[in-house]
Amino acid sequence: LLHIGFLLLALSFGSLCLQGLLGI
C-alpha cells in the first residue's frame, strides 16, 4: 500500500508538472 501511495504522489505531482508546462 505504501508503494501505491508513492505512485499516486508521483502521478499527481507529475500531472501538475505537465499542466504547468502546457500552461507555459
mmCIF file of all heavy atoms, coordinates in Angstrom:
data_MODEL
# 
_entry.id   MODEL 
# 
loop_
_atom_site.group_PDB 
_atom_site.id 
_atom_site.type_symbol 
_atom_site.label_atom_id 
_atom_site.label_alt_id 
_atom_site.label_comp_id 
_atom_site.label_asym_id 
_atom_site.label_entity_id 
_atom_site.label_seq_id 
_atom_site.pdbx_PDB_ins_code 
_atom_site.Cartn_x 
_atom_site.Cartn_y 
_atom_site.Cartn_z 
_atom_site.occupancy 
_atom_site.B_iso_or_equiv 
_atom_site.pdbx_formal_charge 
_atom_site.auth_seq_id 
_atom_site.auth_comp_id 
_atom_site.auth_asym_id 
_atom_site.auth_atom_id 
_atom_site.pdbx_PDB_model_num 
ATOM 1   N N   . LEU A 1 1  ? 0.828  -1.197 0.000   1.00 0.00 ? 1  LEU A N   1 
ATOM 2   C CA  . LEU A 1 1  ? 0.000  0.000  0.000   1.00 0.00 ? 1  LEU A CA  1 
ATOM 3   C C   . LEU A 1 1  ? 0.870  1.258  0.000   1.00 0.00 ? 1  LEU A C   1 
ATOM 4   O O   . LEU A 1 1  ? 0.512  2.268  -0.608  1.00 0.00 ? 1  LEU A O   1 
ATOM 5   C CB  . LEU A 1 1  ? -0.934 -0.019 1.216   1.00 0.00 ? 1  LEU A CB  1 
ATOM 6   C CG  . LEU A 1 1  ? -2.040 1.010  1.252   1.00 0.00 ? 1  LEU A CG  1 
ATOM 7   C CD1 . LEU A 1 1  ? -2.945 0.850  0.040   1.00 0.00 ? 1  LEU A CD1 1 
ATOM 8   C CD2 . LEU A 1 1  ? -2.842 0.871  2.514   1.00 0.00 ? 1  LEU A CD2 1 
ATOM 9   N N   . LEU A 1 2  ? 2.020  1.197  0.641   1.00 0.00 ? 2  LEU A N   1 
ATOM 10  C CA  . LEU A 1 2  ? 2.946  2.329  0.658   1.00 0.00 ? 2  LEU A CA  1 
ATOM 11  C C   . LEU A 1 2  ? 3.482  2.615  -0.743  1.00 0.00 ? 2  LEU A C   1 
ATOM 12  O O   . LEU A 1 2  ? 3.596  3.775  -1.140  1.00 0.00 ? 2  LEU A O   1 
ATOM 13  C CB  . LEU A 1 2  ? 4.107  2.034  1.622   1.00 0.00 ? 2  LEU A CB  1 
ATOM 14  C CG  . LEU A 1 2  ? 5.088  3.164  1.864   1.00 0.00 ? 2  LEU A CG  1 
ATOM 15  C CD1 . LEU A 1 2  ? 4.393  4.325  2.551   1.00 0.00 ? 2  LEU A CD1 1 
ATOM 16  C CD2 . LEU A 1 2  ? 6.246  2.678  2.691   1.00 0.00 ? 2  LEU A CD2 1 
ATOM 17  N N   . HIS A 1 3  ? 3.761  1.574  -1.502  1.00 0.00 ? 3  HIS A N   1 
ATOM 18  C CA  . HIS A 1 3  ? 4.239  1.758  -2.878  1.00 0.00 ? 3  HIS A CA  1 
ATOM 19  C C   . HIS A 1 3  ? 3.162  2.414  -3.739  1.00 0.00 ? 3  HIS A C   1 
ATOM 20  O O   . HIS A 1 3  ? 3.465  3.283  -4.563  1.00 0.00 ? 3  HIS A O   1 
ATOM 21  C CB  . HIS A 1 3  ? 4.647  0.416  -3.488  1.00 0.00 ? 3  HIS A CB  1 
ATOM 22  C CG  . HIS A 1 3  ? 5.809  -0.205 -2.809  1.00 0.00 ? 3  HIS A CG  1 
ATOM 23  N ND1 . HIS A 1 3  ? 5.824  -1.544 -2.487  1.00 0.00 ? 3  HIS A ND1 1 
ATOM 24  C CD2 . HIS A 1 3  ? 6.987  0.301  -2.372  1.00 0.00 ? 3  HIS A CD2 1 
ATOM 25  C CE1 . HIS A 1 3  ? 6.963  -1.827 -1.892  1.00 0.00 ? 3  HIS A CE1 1 
ATOM 26  N NE2 . HIS A 1 3  ? 7.679  -0.722 -1.802  1.00 0.00 ? 3  HIS A NE2 1 
ATOM 27  N N   . ILE A 1 4  ? 1.921  2.005  -3.545  1.00 0.00 ? 4  ILE A N   1 
ATOM 28  C CA  . ILE A 1 4  ? 0.819  2.608  -4.298  1.00 0.00 ? 4  ILE A CA  1 
ATOM 29  C C   . ILE A 1 4  ? 0.665  4.077  -3.916  1.00 0.00 ? 4  ILE A C   1 
ATOM 30  O O   . ILE A 1 4  ? 0.394  4.928  -4.766  1.00 0.00 ? 4  ILE A O   1 
ATOM 31  C CB  . ILE A 1 4  ? -0.480 1.807  -4.068  1.00 0.00 ? 4  ILE A CB  1 
ATOM 32  C CG1 . ILE A 1 4  ? -0.331 0.408  -4.665  1.00 0.00 ? 4  ILE A CG1 1 
ATOM 33  C CG2 . ILE A 1 4  ? -1.686 2.515  -4.665  1.00 0.00 ? 4  ILE A CG2 1 
ATOM 34  C CD1 . ILE A 1 4  ? -1.456 -0.541 -4.325  1.00 0.00 ? 4  ILE A CD1 1 
ATOM 35  N N   . GLY A 1 5  ? 0.860  4.388  -2.634  1.00 0.00 ? 5  GLY A N   1 
ATOM 36  C CA  . GLY A 1 5  ? 0.799  5.779  -2.193  1.00 0.00 ? 5  GLY A CA  1 
ATOM 37  C C   . GLY A 1 5  ? 1.872  6.639  -2.841  1.00 0.00 ? 5  GLY A C   1 
ATOM 38  O O   . GLY A 1 5  ? 1.608  7.764  -3.273  1.00 0.00 ? 5  GLY A O   1 
ATOM 39  N N   . PHE A 1 6  ? 3.089  6.112  -2.927  1.00 0.00 ? 6  PHE A N   1 
ATOM 40  C CA  . PHE A 1 6  ? 4.162  6.865  -3.582  1.00 0.00 ? 6  PHE A CA  1 
ATOM 41  C C   . PHE A 1 6  ? 3.895  7.006  -5.080  1.00 0.00 ? 6  PHE A C   1 
ATOM 42  O O   . PHE A 1 6  ? 4.217  8.033  -5.680  1.00 0.00 ? 6  PHE A O   1 
ATOM 43  C CB  . PHE A 1 6  ? 5.515  6.210  -3.334  1.00 0.00 ? 6  PHE A CB  1 
ATOM 44  C CG  . PHE A 1 6  ? 6.141  6.609  -2.033  1.00 0.00 ? 6  PHE A CG  1 
ATOM 45  C CD1 . PHE A 1 6  ? 6.272  5.687  -1.010  1.00 0.00 ? 6  PHE A CD1 1 
ATOM 46  C CD2 . PHE A 1 6  ? 6.580  7.899  -1.821  1.00 0.00 ? 6  PHE A CD2 1 
ATOM 47  C CE1 . PHE A 1 6  ? 6.840  6.045  0.200   1.00 0.00 ? 6  PHE A CE1 1 
ATOM 48  C CE2 . PHE A 1 6  ? 7.141  8.267  -0.624  1.00 0.00 ? 6  PHE A CE2 1 
ATOM 49  C CZ  . PHE A 1 6  ? 7.281  7.350  0.393   1.00 0.00 ? 6  PHE A CZ  1 
ATOM 50  N N   . LEU A 1 7  ? 3.308  5.987  -5.694  1.00 0.00 ? 7  LEU A N   1 
ATOM 51  C CA  . LEU A 1 7  ? 2.957  6.089  -7.103  1.00 0.00 ? 7  LEU A CA  1 
ATOM 52  C C   . LEU A 1 7  ? 1.901  7.171  -7.312  1.00 0.00 ? 7  LEU A C   1 
ATOM 53  O O   . LEU A 1 7  ? 2.010  7.987  -8.246  1.00 0.00 ? 7  LEU A O   1 
ATOM 54  C CB  . LEU A 1 7  ? 2.441  4.753  -7.634  1.00 0.00 ? 7  LEU A CB  1 
ATOM 55  C CG  . LEU A 1 7  ? 1.962  4.781  -9.085  1.00 0.00 ? 7  LEU A CG  1 
ATOM 56  C CD1 . LEU A 1 7  ? 3.131  4.977  -10.029 1.00 0.00 ? 7  LEU A CD1 1 
ATOM 57  C CD2 . LEU A 1 7  ? 1.195  3.528  -9.412  1.00 0.00 ? 7  LEU A CD2 1 
ATOM 58  N N   . LEU A 1 8  ? 0.896  7.224  -6.450  1.00 0.00 ? 8  LEU A N   1 
ATOM 59  C CA  . LEU A 1 8  ? -0.136 8.253  -6.561  1.00 0.00 ? 8  LEU A CA  1 
ATOM 60  C C   . LEU A 1 8  ? 0.444  9.645  -6.335  1.00 0.00 ? 8  LEU A C   1 
ATOM 61  O O   . LEU A 1 8  ? 0.037  10.613 -6.993  1.00 0.00 ? 8  LEU A O   1 
ATOM 62  C CB  . LEU A 1 8  ? -1.275 7.971  -5.581  1.00 0.00 ? 8  LEU A CB  1 
ATOM 63  C CG  . LEU A 1 8  ? -2.140 6.758  -5.914  1.00 0.00 ? 8  LEU A CG  1 
ATOM 64  C CD1 . LEU A 1 8  ? -3.166 6.523  -4.816  1.00 0.00 ? 8  LEU A CD1 1 
ATOM 65  C CD2 . LEU A 1 8  ? -2.818 6.939  -7.252  1.00 0.00 ? 8  LEU A CD2 1 
ATOM 66  N N   . LEU A 1 9  ? 1.395  9.757  -5.419  1.00 0.00 ? 9  LEU A N   1 
ATOM 67  C CA  . LEU A 1 9  ? 2.066  11.036 -5.190  1.00 0.00 ? 9  LEU A CA  1 
ATOM 68  C C   . LEU A 1 9  ? 2.809  11.476 -6.443  1.00 0.00 ? 9  LEU A C   1 
ATOM 69  O O   . LEU A 1 9  ? 2.700  12.639 -6.867  1.00 0.00 ? 9  LEU A O   1 
ATOM 70  C CB  . LEU A 1 9  ? 3.038  10.902 -4.009  1.00 0.00 ? 9  LEU A CB  1 
ATOM 71  C CG  . LEU A 1 9  ? 3.833  12.138 -3.640  1.00 0.00 ? 9  LEU A CG  1 
ATOM 72  C CD1 . LEU A 1 9  ? 2.953  13.093 -2.856  1.00 0.00 ? 9  LEU A CD1 1 
ATOM 73  C CD2 . LEU A 1 9  ? 5.049  11.753 -2.821  1.00 0.00 ? 9  LEU A CD2 1 
ATOM 74  N N   . ALA A 1 10 ? 3.532  10.551 -7.062  1.00 0.00 ? 10 ALA A N   1 
ATOM 75  C CA  . ALA A 1 10 ? 4.278  10.884 -8.283  1.00 0.00 ? 10 ALA A CA  1 
ATOM 76  C C   . ALA A 1 10 ? 3.336  11.226 -9.429  1.00 0.00 ? 10 ALA A C   1 
ATOM 77  O O   . ALA A 1 10 ? 3.595  12.157 -10.196 1.00 0.00 ? 10 ALA A O   1 
ATOM 78  C CB  . ALA A 1 10 ? 5.189  9.722  -8.668  1.00 0.00 ? 10 ALA A CB  1 
ATOM 79  N N   . LEU A 1 11 ? 2.241  10.486 -9.547  1.00 0.00 ? 11 LEU A N   1 
ATOM 80  C CA  . LEU A 1 11 ? 1.303  10.758 -10.631 1.00 0.00 ? 11 LEU A CA  1 
ATOM 81  C C   . LEU A 1 11 ? 0.596  12.098 -10.461 1.00 0.00 ? 11 LEU A C   1 
ATOM 82  O O   . LEU A 1 11 ? 0.392  12.832 -11.438 1.00 0.00 ? 11 LEU A O   1 
ATOM 83  C CB  . LEU A 1 11 ? 0.273  9.632  -10.745 1.00 0.00 ? 11 LEU A CB  1 
ATOM 84  C CG  . LEU A 1 11 ? 0.787  8.316  -11.305 1.00 0.00 ? 11 LEU A CG  1 
ATOM 85  C CD1 . LEU A 1 11 ? -0.307 7.256  -11.271 1.00 0.00 ? 11 LEU A CD1 1 
ATOM 86  C CD2 . LEU A 1 11 ? 1.316  8.492  -12.708 1.00 0.00 ? 11 LEU A CD2 1 
ATOM 87  N N   . SER A 1 12 ? 0.222  12.433 -9.239  1.00 0.00 ? 12 SER A N   1 
ATOM 88  C CA  . SER A 1 12 ? -0.492 13.692 -9.024  1.00 0.00 ? 12 SER A CA  1 
ATOM 89  C C   . SER A 1 12 ? 0.427  14.891 -9.270  1.00 0.00 ? 12 SER A C   1 
ATOM 90  O O   . SER A 1 12 ? 0.056  15.829 -9.980  1.00 0.00 ? 12 SER A O   1 
ATOM 91  C CB  . SER A 1 12 ? -1.098 13.740 -7.626  1.00 0.00 ? 12 SER A CB  1 
ATOM 92  O OG  . SER A 1 12 ? -0.088 13.672 -6.650  1.00 0.00 ? 12 SER A OG  1 
ATOM 93  N N   . PHE A 1 13 ? 1.622  14.858 -8.705  1.00 0.00 ? 13 PHE A N   1 
ATOM 94  C CA  . PHE A 1 13 ? 2.529  15.976 -8.934  1.00 0.00 ? 13 PHE A CA  1 
ATOM 95  C C   . PHE A 1 13 ? 3.108  15.963 -10.347 1.00 0.00 ? 13 PHE A C   1 
ATOM 96  O O   . PHE A 1 13 ? 3.409  17.016 -10.906 1.00 0.00 ? 13 PHE A O   1 
ATOM 97  C CB  . PHE A 1 13 ? 3.646  15.994 -7.880  1.00 0.00 ? 13 PHE A CB  1 
ATOM 98  C CG  . PHE A 1 13 ? 3.206  16.599 -6.590  1.00 0.00 ? 13 PHE A CG  1 
ATOM 99  C CD1 . PHE A 1 13 ? 2.839  15.806 -5.526  1.00 0.00 ? 13 PHE A CD1 1 
ATOM 100 C CD2 . PHE A 1 13 ? 3.129  17.969 -6.433  1.00 0.00 ? 13 PHE A CD2 1 
ATOM 101 C CE1 . PHE A 1 13 ? 2.416  16.352 -4.338  1.00 0.00 ? 13 PHE A CE1 1 
ATOM 102 C CE2 . PHE A 1 13 ? 2.711  18.536 -5.251  1.00 0.00 ? 13 PHE A CE2 1 
ATOM 103 C CZ  . PHE A 1 13 ? 2.348  17.727 -4.195  1.00 0.00 ? 13 PHE A CZ  1 
ATOM 104 N N   . GLY A 1 14 ? 3.225  14.784 -10.948 1.00 0.00 ? 14 GLY A N   1 
ATOM 105 C CA  . GLY A 1 14 ? 3.654  14.711 -12.340 1.00 0.00 ? 14 GLY A CA  1 
ATOM 106 C C   . GLY A 1 14 ? 2.629  15.327 -13.272 1.00 0.00 ? 14 GLY A C   1 
ATOM 107 O O   . GLY A 1 14 ? 2.984  16.001 -14.243 1.00 0.00 ? 14 GLY A O   1 
ATOM 108 N N   . SER A 1 15 ? 1.348  15.100 -12.979 1.00 0.00 ? 15 SER A N   1 
ATOM 109 C CA  . SER A 1 15 ? 0.314  15.719 -13.808 1.00 0.00 ? 15 SER A CA  1 
ATOM 110 C C   . SER A 1 15 ? 0.288  17.235 -13.612 1.00 0.00 ? 15 SER A C   1 
ATOM 111 O O   . SER A 1 15 ? 0.038  17.985 -14.558 1.00 0.00 ? 15 SER A O   1 
ATOM 112 C CB  . SER A 1 15 ? -1.055 15.121 -13.501 1.00 0.00 ? 15 SER A CB  1 
ATOM 113 O OG  . SER A 1 15 ? -1.499 15.513 -12.226 1.00 0.00 ? 15 SER A OG  1 
ATOM 114 N N   . LEU A 1 16 ? 0.568  17.704 -12.406 1.00 0.00 ? 16 LEU A N   1 
ATOM 115 C CA  . LEU A 1 16 ? 0.662  19.144 -12.175 1.00 0.00 ? 16 LEU A CA  1 
ATOM 116 C C   . LEU A 1 16 ? 1.839  19.742 -12.949 1.00 0.00 ? 16 LEU A C   1 
ATOM 117 O O   . LEU A 1 16 ? 1.740  20.857 -13.490 1.00 0.00 ? 16 LEU A O   1 
ATOM 118 C CB  . LEU A 1 16 ? 0.799  19.439 -10.683 1.00 0.00 ? 16 LEU A CB  1 
ATOM 119 C CG  . LEU A 1 16 ? -0.449 19.218 -9.841  1.00 0.00 ? 16 LEU A CG  1 
ATOM 120 C CD1 . LEU A 1 16 ? -0.123 19.381 -8.358  1.00 0.00 ? 16 LEU A CD1 1 
ATOM 121 C CD2 . LEU A 1 16 ? -1.546 20.164 -10.247 1.00 0.00 ? 16 LEU A CD2 1 
ATOM 122 N N   . CYS A 1 17 ? 2.942  19.011 -13.008 1.00 0.00 ? 17 CYS A N   1 
ATOM 123 C CA  . CYS A 1 17 ? 4.097  19.474 -13.794 1.00 0.00 ? 17 CYS A CA  1 
ATOM 124 C C   . CYS A 1 17 ? 3.743  19.544 -15.271 1.00 0.00 ? 17 CYS A C   1 
ATOM 125 O O   . CYS A 1 17 ? 4.100  20.501 -15.963 1.00 0.00 ? 17 CYS A O   1 
ATOM 126 C CB  . CYS A 1 17 ? 5.293  18.551 -13.582 1.00 0.00 ? 17 CYS A CB  1 
ATOM 127 S SG  . CYS A 1 17 ? 6.037  18.659 -11.951 1.00 0.00 ? 17 CYS A SG  1 
ATOM 128 N N   . LEU A 1 18 ? 3.032  18.542 -15.763 1.00 0.00 ? 18 LEU A N   1 
ATOM 129 C CA  . LEU A 1 18 ? 2.629  18.535 -17.166 1.00 0.00 ? 18 LEU A CA  1 
ATOM 130 C C   . LEU A 1 18 ? 1.665  19.687 -17.458 1.00 0.00 ? 18 LEU A C   1 
ATOM 131 O O   . LEU A 1 18 ? 1.789  20.373 -18.482 1.00 0.00 ? 18 LEU A O   1 
ATOM 132 C CB  . LEU A 1 18 ? 1.990  17.194 -17.518 1.00 0.00 ? 18 LEU A CB  1 
ATOM 133 C CG  . LEU A 1 18 ? 1.569  17.005 -18.963 1.00 0.00 ? 18 LEU A CG  1 
ATOM 134 C CD1 . LEU A 1 18 ? 2.787  17.045 -19.878 1.00 0.00 ? 18 LEU A CD1 1 
ATOM 135 C CD2 . LEU A 1 18 ? 0.814  15.715 -19.133 1.00 0.00 ? 18 LEU A CD2 1 
ATOM 136 N N   . GLN A 1 19 ? 0.724  19.935 -16.557 1.00 0.00 ? 19 GLN A N   1 
ATOM 137 C CA  . GLN A 1 19 ? -0.205 21.047 -16.737 1.00 0.00 ? 19 GLN A CA  1 
ATOM 138 C C   . GLN A 1 19 ? 0.527  22.382 -16.707 1.00 0.00 ? 19 GLN A C   1 
ATOM 139 O O   . GLN A 1 19 ? 0.182  23.306 -17.447 1.00 0.00 ? 19 GLN A O   1 
ATOM 140 C CB  . GLN A 1 19 ? -1.271 21.018 -15.655 1.00 0.00 ? 19 GLN A CB  1 
ATOM 141 C CG  . GLN A 1 19 ? -2.242 19.885 -15.790 1.00 0.00 ? 19 GLN A CG  1 
ATOM 142 C CD  . GLN A 1 19 ? -3.177 19.803 -14.607 1.00 0.00 ? 19 GLN A CD  1 
ATOM 143 O OE1 . GLN A 1 19 ? -3.428 20.794 -13.924 1.00 0.00 ? 19 GLN A OE1 1 
ATOM 144 N NE2 . GLN A 1 19 ? -3.707 18.621 -14.350 1.00 0.00 ? 19 GLN A NE2 1 
ATOM 145 N N   . GLY A 1 20 ? 1.545  22.490 -15.861 1.00 0.00 ? 20 GLY A N   1 
ATOM 146 C CA  . GLY A 1 20 ? 2.329  23.716 -15.808 1.00 0.00 ? 20 GLY A CA  1 
ATOM 147 C C   . GLY A 1 20 ? 3.080  23.963 -17.109 1.00 0.00 ? 20 GLY A C   1 
ATOM 148 O O   . GLY A 1 20 ? 3.116  25.093 -17.615 1.00 0.00 ? 20 GLY A O   1 
ATOM 149 N N   . LEU A 1 21 ? 3.680  22.914 -17.666 1.00 0.00 ? 21 LEU A N   1 
ATOM 150 C CA  . LEU A 1 21 ? 4.378  23.068 -18.941 1.00 0.00 ? 21 LEU A CA  1 
ATOM 151 C C   . LEU A 1 21 ? 3.410  23.422 -20.068 1.00 0.00 ? 21 LEU A C   1 
ATOM 152 O O   . LEU A 1 21 ? 3.728  24.262 -20.922 1.00 0.00 ? 21 LEU A O   1 
ATOM 153 C CB  . LEU A 1 21 ? 5.132  21.787 -19.289 1.00 0.00 ? 21 LEU A CB  1 
ATOM 154 C CG  . LEU A 1 21 ? 6.483  21.608 -18.615 1.00 0.00 ? 21 LEU A CG  1 
ATOM 155 C CD1 . LEU A 1 21 ? 7.079  20.264 -19.005 1.00 0.00 ? 21 LEU A CD1 1 
ATOM 156 C CD2 . LEU A 1 21 ? 7.435  22.713 -18.997 1.00 0.00 ? 21 LEU A CD2 1 
ATOM 157 N N   . LEU A 1 22 ? 2.237  22.797 -20.065 1.00 0.00 ? 22 LEU A N   1 
ATOM 158 C CA  . LEU A 1 22 ? 1.242  23.138 -21.085 1.00 0.00 ? 22 LEU A CA  1 
ATOM 159 C C   . LEU A 1 22 ? 0.738  24.571 -20.917 1.00 0.00 ? 22 LEU A C   1 
ATOM 160 O O   . LEU A 1 22 ? 0.492  25.267 -21.905 1.00 0.00 ? 22 LEU A O   1 
ATOM 161 C CB  . LEU A 1 22 ? 0.079  22.151 -21.029 1.00 0.00 ? 22 LEU A CB  1 
ATOM 162 C CG  . LEU A 1 22 ? 0.393  20.731 -21.487 1.00 0.00 ? 22 LEU A CG  1 
ATOM 163 C CD1 . LEU A 1 22 ? -0.805 19.822 -21.269 1.00 0.00 ? 22 LEU A CD1 1 
ATOM 164 C CD2 . LEU A 1 22 ? 0.834  20.712 -22.925 1.00 0.00 ? 22 LEU A CD2 1 
ATOM 165 N N   . GLY A 1 23 ? 0.613  25.030 -19.685 1.00 0.00 ? 23 GLY A N   1 
ATOM 166 C CA  . GLY A 1 23 ? 0.209  26.409 -19.437 1.00 0.00 ? 23 GLY A CA  1 
ATOM 167 C C   . GLY A 1 23 ? 1.243  27.407 -19.921 1.00 0.00 ? 23 GLY A C   1 
ATOM 168 O O   . GLY A 1 23 ? 0.903  28.449 -20.502 1.00 0.00 ? 23 GLY A O   1 
ATOM 169 N N   . ILE A 1 24 ? 2.516  27.109 -19.696 1.00 0.00 ? 24 ILE A N   1 
ATOM 170 C CA  . ILE A 1 24 ? 3.579  27.989 -20.185 1.00 0.00 ? 24 ILE A CA  1 
ATOM 171 C C   . ILE A 1 24 ? 3.595  28.009 -21.707 1.00 0.00 ? 24 ILE A C   1 
ATOM 172 O O   . ILE A 1 24 ? 3.732  29.060 -22.339 1.00 0.00 ? 24 ILE A O   1 
ATOM 173 C CB  . ILE A 1 24 ? 4.942  27.542 -19.608 1.00 0.00 ? 24 ILE A CB  1 
ATOM 174 C CG1 . ILE A 1 24 ? 4.971  27.813 -18.103 1.00 0.00 ? 24 ILE A CG1 1 
ATOM 175 C CG2 . ILE A 1 24 ? 6.093  28.250 -20.302 1.00 0.00 ? 24 ILE A CG2 1 
ATOM 176 C CD1 . ILE A 1 24 ? 6.157  27.198 -17.389 1.00 0.00 ? 24 ILE A CD1 1 
# 
